Amino acid sequence: MDAALVAIWVLRLLFLAMLYAFLYFVVRALVRDLRSAAREPTVELGRLVVVACPSGEPPPGSTFALDAITSLGRDVNNSIVLEDEFVSANHAALTYRGRAWYVEDLGSTNGTFVNGGQVDGLSPIAFGDEIQIGQIRLRLERARP
């Protein structure tokens, strides 16, 4: 056998081994990501505490855990359903972007208020701020450890 032919076969085998190693690492990373995404999230981003509700539903003091995107309104498809006659079907949305919370009014009839001021478009909010939707006042708080 010629030395050049042996060198070509060794290069082919090395290339094939590197290709299989690359595919192995790609599949391993994908499986790891899929498993972590399938697990229930253990880290709570924040919570809303009911400060005042004239109708009594939800009762003051009750809390709602927040996801990265949380919708609020009267419709049952919202993340947080608020039974109040002044709340629109899809009233507002809370989003967690980067390291900050934002509230957005979704074209509601009566508006969304943060600390007494009406929200126009997307507005940043901080922990401790009060959000008023209809007659219901909610306070944004840090998640419990």
Protein backbone atom coordinates (compact mmCIF):
# COMPACT_ATOMS: atom_id res chain seq x y z
CA MET A 1 0.00 0.00 0.00
CA ASP A 2 1.10 3.46 -0.81
CA ALA A 3 1.75 5.89 2.10
CA ALA A 4 -0.43 8.57 0.47
CA LEU A 5 -3.38 6.18 0.28
CA VAL A 6 -2.99 5.29 3.96
CA ALA A 7 -2.84 9.00 4.85
CA ILE A 8 -6.06 9.69 2.91
CA TRP A 9 -7.85 6.83 4.72
CA VAL A 10 -6.67 8.13 8.10
CA LEU A 11 -7.88 11.63 7.21
CA ARG A 12 -11.26 10.24 6.13
CA LEU A 13 -11.64 8.32 9.38
CA LEU A 14 -10.60 11.36 11.44
CA PHE A 15 -13.10 13.54 9.59
CA LEU A 16 -15.85 10.96 10.14
CA ALA A 17 -15.00 10.72 13.85
CA MET A 18 -15.07 14.51 14.21
CA LEU A 19 -18.41 14.68 12.39
CA TYR A 20 -19.95 12.09 14.71
CA ALA A 21 -18.51 13.86 17.76
CA PHE A 22 -20.01 17.16 16.60
CA LEU A 23 -23.42 15.55 16.05
CA TYR A 24 -23.20 13.91 19.48
CA PHE A 25 -22.58 17.25 21.22
CA VAL A 26 -25.38 18.97 19.28
CA VAL A 27 -27.91 16.25 20.17
CA ARG A 28 -26.75 16.24 23.80
CA ALA A 29 -27.23 20.03 24.06
CA LEU A 30 -30.68 19.82 22.47
CA VAL A 31 -31.81 17.06 24.82
CA ARG A 32 -30.53 19.01 27.83
CA ASP A 33 -32.42 22.13 26.71
CA LEU A 34 -35.62 20.18 26.08
CA ARG A 35 -35.43 18.55 29.50
CA SER A 36 -34.87 21.86 31.27
CA ALA A 37 -37.74 23.48 29.35
CA ALA A 38 -40.06 20.60 30.20
CA ARG A 39 -39.42 20.91 33.93
CA GLU A 40 -41.80 23.02 35.94
CA PRO A 41 -40.24 26.43 36.55
CA THR A 42 -39.10 26.64 40.15
CA VAL A 43 -38.18 30.30 40.18
CA GLU A 44 -41.06 32.68 40.70
CA LEU A 45 -40.46 36.08 39.09
CA GLY A 46 -42.84 38.05 41.26
CA ARG A 47 -46.37 38.17 42.60
CA LEU A 48 -49.40 40.41 42.75
CA VAL A 49 -51.09 40.96 46.09
CA VAL A 50 -54.68 42.17 46.17
CA VAL A 51 -54.75 45.42 48.18
CA ALA A 52 -58.40 46.39 47.76
CA CYS A 53 -61.39 44.89 46.02
CA PRO A 54 -64.86 46.35 46.72
CA SER A 55 -66.68 43.25 45.46
CA GLY A 56 -64.64 40.95 47.70
CA GLU A 57 -63.56 38.65 44.87
CA PRO A 58 -60.59 38.12 44.92
CA PRO A 59 -60.33 38.79 48.64
CA PRO A 60 -57.79 41.37 49.82
CA GLY A 61 -54.51 39.74 50.77
CA SER A 62 -54.71 36.97 48.17
CA THR A 63 -51.70 36.57 45.91
CA PHE A 64 -51.12 35.63 42.28
CA ALA A 65 -47.79 34.22 41.07
CA LEU A 66 -46.50 35.92 37.93
CA ASP A 67 -45.05 34.41 34.78
CA ALA A 68 -42.80 36.26 32.35
CA ILE A 69 -45.96 37.29 30.49
CA THR A 70 -49.12 37.56 32.58
CA SER A 71 -52.44 38.74 31.17
CA LEU A 72 -55.14 40.27 33.37
CA GLY A 73 -58.81 40.67 32.59
CA ARG A 74 -62.32 39.30 32.92
CA ASP A 75 -61.97 36.63 30.21
CA VAL A 76 -61.27 33.10 31.47
CA ASN A 77 -58.33 32.77 29.04
CA ASN A 78 -56.29 35.34 31.00
CA SER A 79 -53.56 34.27 33.40
CA ILE A 80 -55.29 36.21 36.18
CA VAL A 81 -59.08 36.48 35.97
CA LEU A 82 -60.54 39.53 37.72
CA GLU A 83 -64.29 39.57 38.27
CA ASP A 84 -65.18 43.24 38.28
CA GLU A 85 -67.71 45.12 36.13
CA PHE A 86 -65.13 47.80 35.27
CA VAL A 87 -62.48 45.31 34.04
CA SER A 88 -62.34 44.61 30.29
CA ALA A 89 -62.13 41.08 28.89
CA ASN A 90 -58.44 41.55 28.03
CA HIS A 91 -57.53 44.49 30.19
CA ALA A 92 -53.76 44.59 30.75
CA ALA A 93 -50.55 42.58 30.52
CA LEU A 94 -47.56 42.39 32.83
CA THR A 95 -44.28 41.42 31.20
CA TYR A 96 -40.86 40.72 32.66
CA ARG A 97 -38.14 41.90 30.29
CA GLY A 98 -34.52 41.74 31.26
CA ARG A 99 -34.63 42.64 34.93
CA ALA A 100 -37.65 44.93 34.97
CA TRP A 101 -41.44 44.63 34.99
CA TYR A 102 -43.65 46.47 32.53
CA VAL A 103 -47.41 46.94 32.47
CA GLU A 104 -49.33 47.56 29.27
CA ASP A 105 -52.95 48.55 28.87
CA LEU A 106 -54.51 46.40 26.14
CA GLY A 107 -57.05 48.96 24.95
CA SER A 108 -59.34 48.65 27.95
CA THR A 109 -62.39 50.86 28.32
CA ASN A 110 -61.62 52.21 31.80
CA GLY A 111 -57.81 52.24 31.62
CA THR A 112 -55.03 50.87 33.78
CA PHE A 113 -53.43 52.96 36.53
CA VAL A 114 -50.05 52.68 38.26
CA ASN A 115 -49.75 54.59 41.55
CA GLY A 116 -52.73 56.73 40.53
CA GLY A 117 -51.43 57.72 37.08
CA GLN A 118 -52.98 56.31 33.93
CA VAL A 119 -50.80 54.00 31.84
CA ASP A 120 -50.41 55.03 28.23
CA GLY A 121 -48.81 52.21 26.23
CA LEU A 122 -45.99 50.27 27.85
CA SER A 123 -44.93 51.55 31.26
CA PRO A 124 -42.18 50.30 33.60
CA ILE A 125 -43.19 49.40 37.14
CA ALA A 126 -41.19 48.48 40.23
CA PHE A 127 -41.76 46.29 43.26
CA GLY A 128 -44.12 48.05 45.65
CA ASP A 129 -46.05 49.88 42.90
CA GLU A 130 -49.84 49.61 42.95
CA ILE A 131 -51.75 48.74 39.81
CA GLN A 132 -55.43 49.58 39.58
CA ILE A 133 -57.56 47.63 37.12
CA GLY A 134 -61.22 48.54 37.34
CA GLN A 135 -61.92 48.87 41.05
CA ILE A 136 -59.30 46.29 42.03
CA ARG A 137 -55.93 47.48 43.36
CA LEU A 138 -52.95 45.12 43.18
CA ARG A 139 -49.41 45.58 44.50
CA LEU A 140 -46.37 44.13 42.70
CA GLU A 141 -44.10 42.33 45.16
CA ARG A 142 -41.00 40.22 45.02
CA ALA A 143 -41.46 36.47 45.01
CA ARG A 144 -41.14 34.68 48.30
CA PRO A 145 -37.84 32.80 48.67
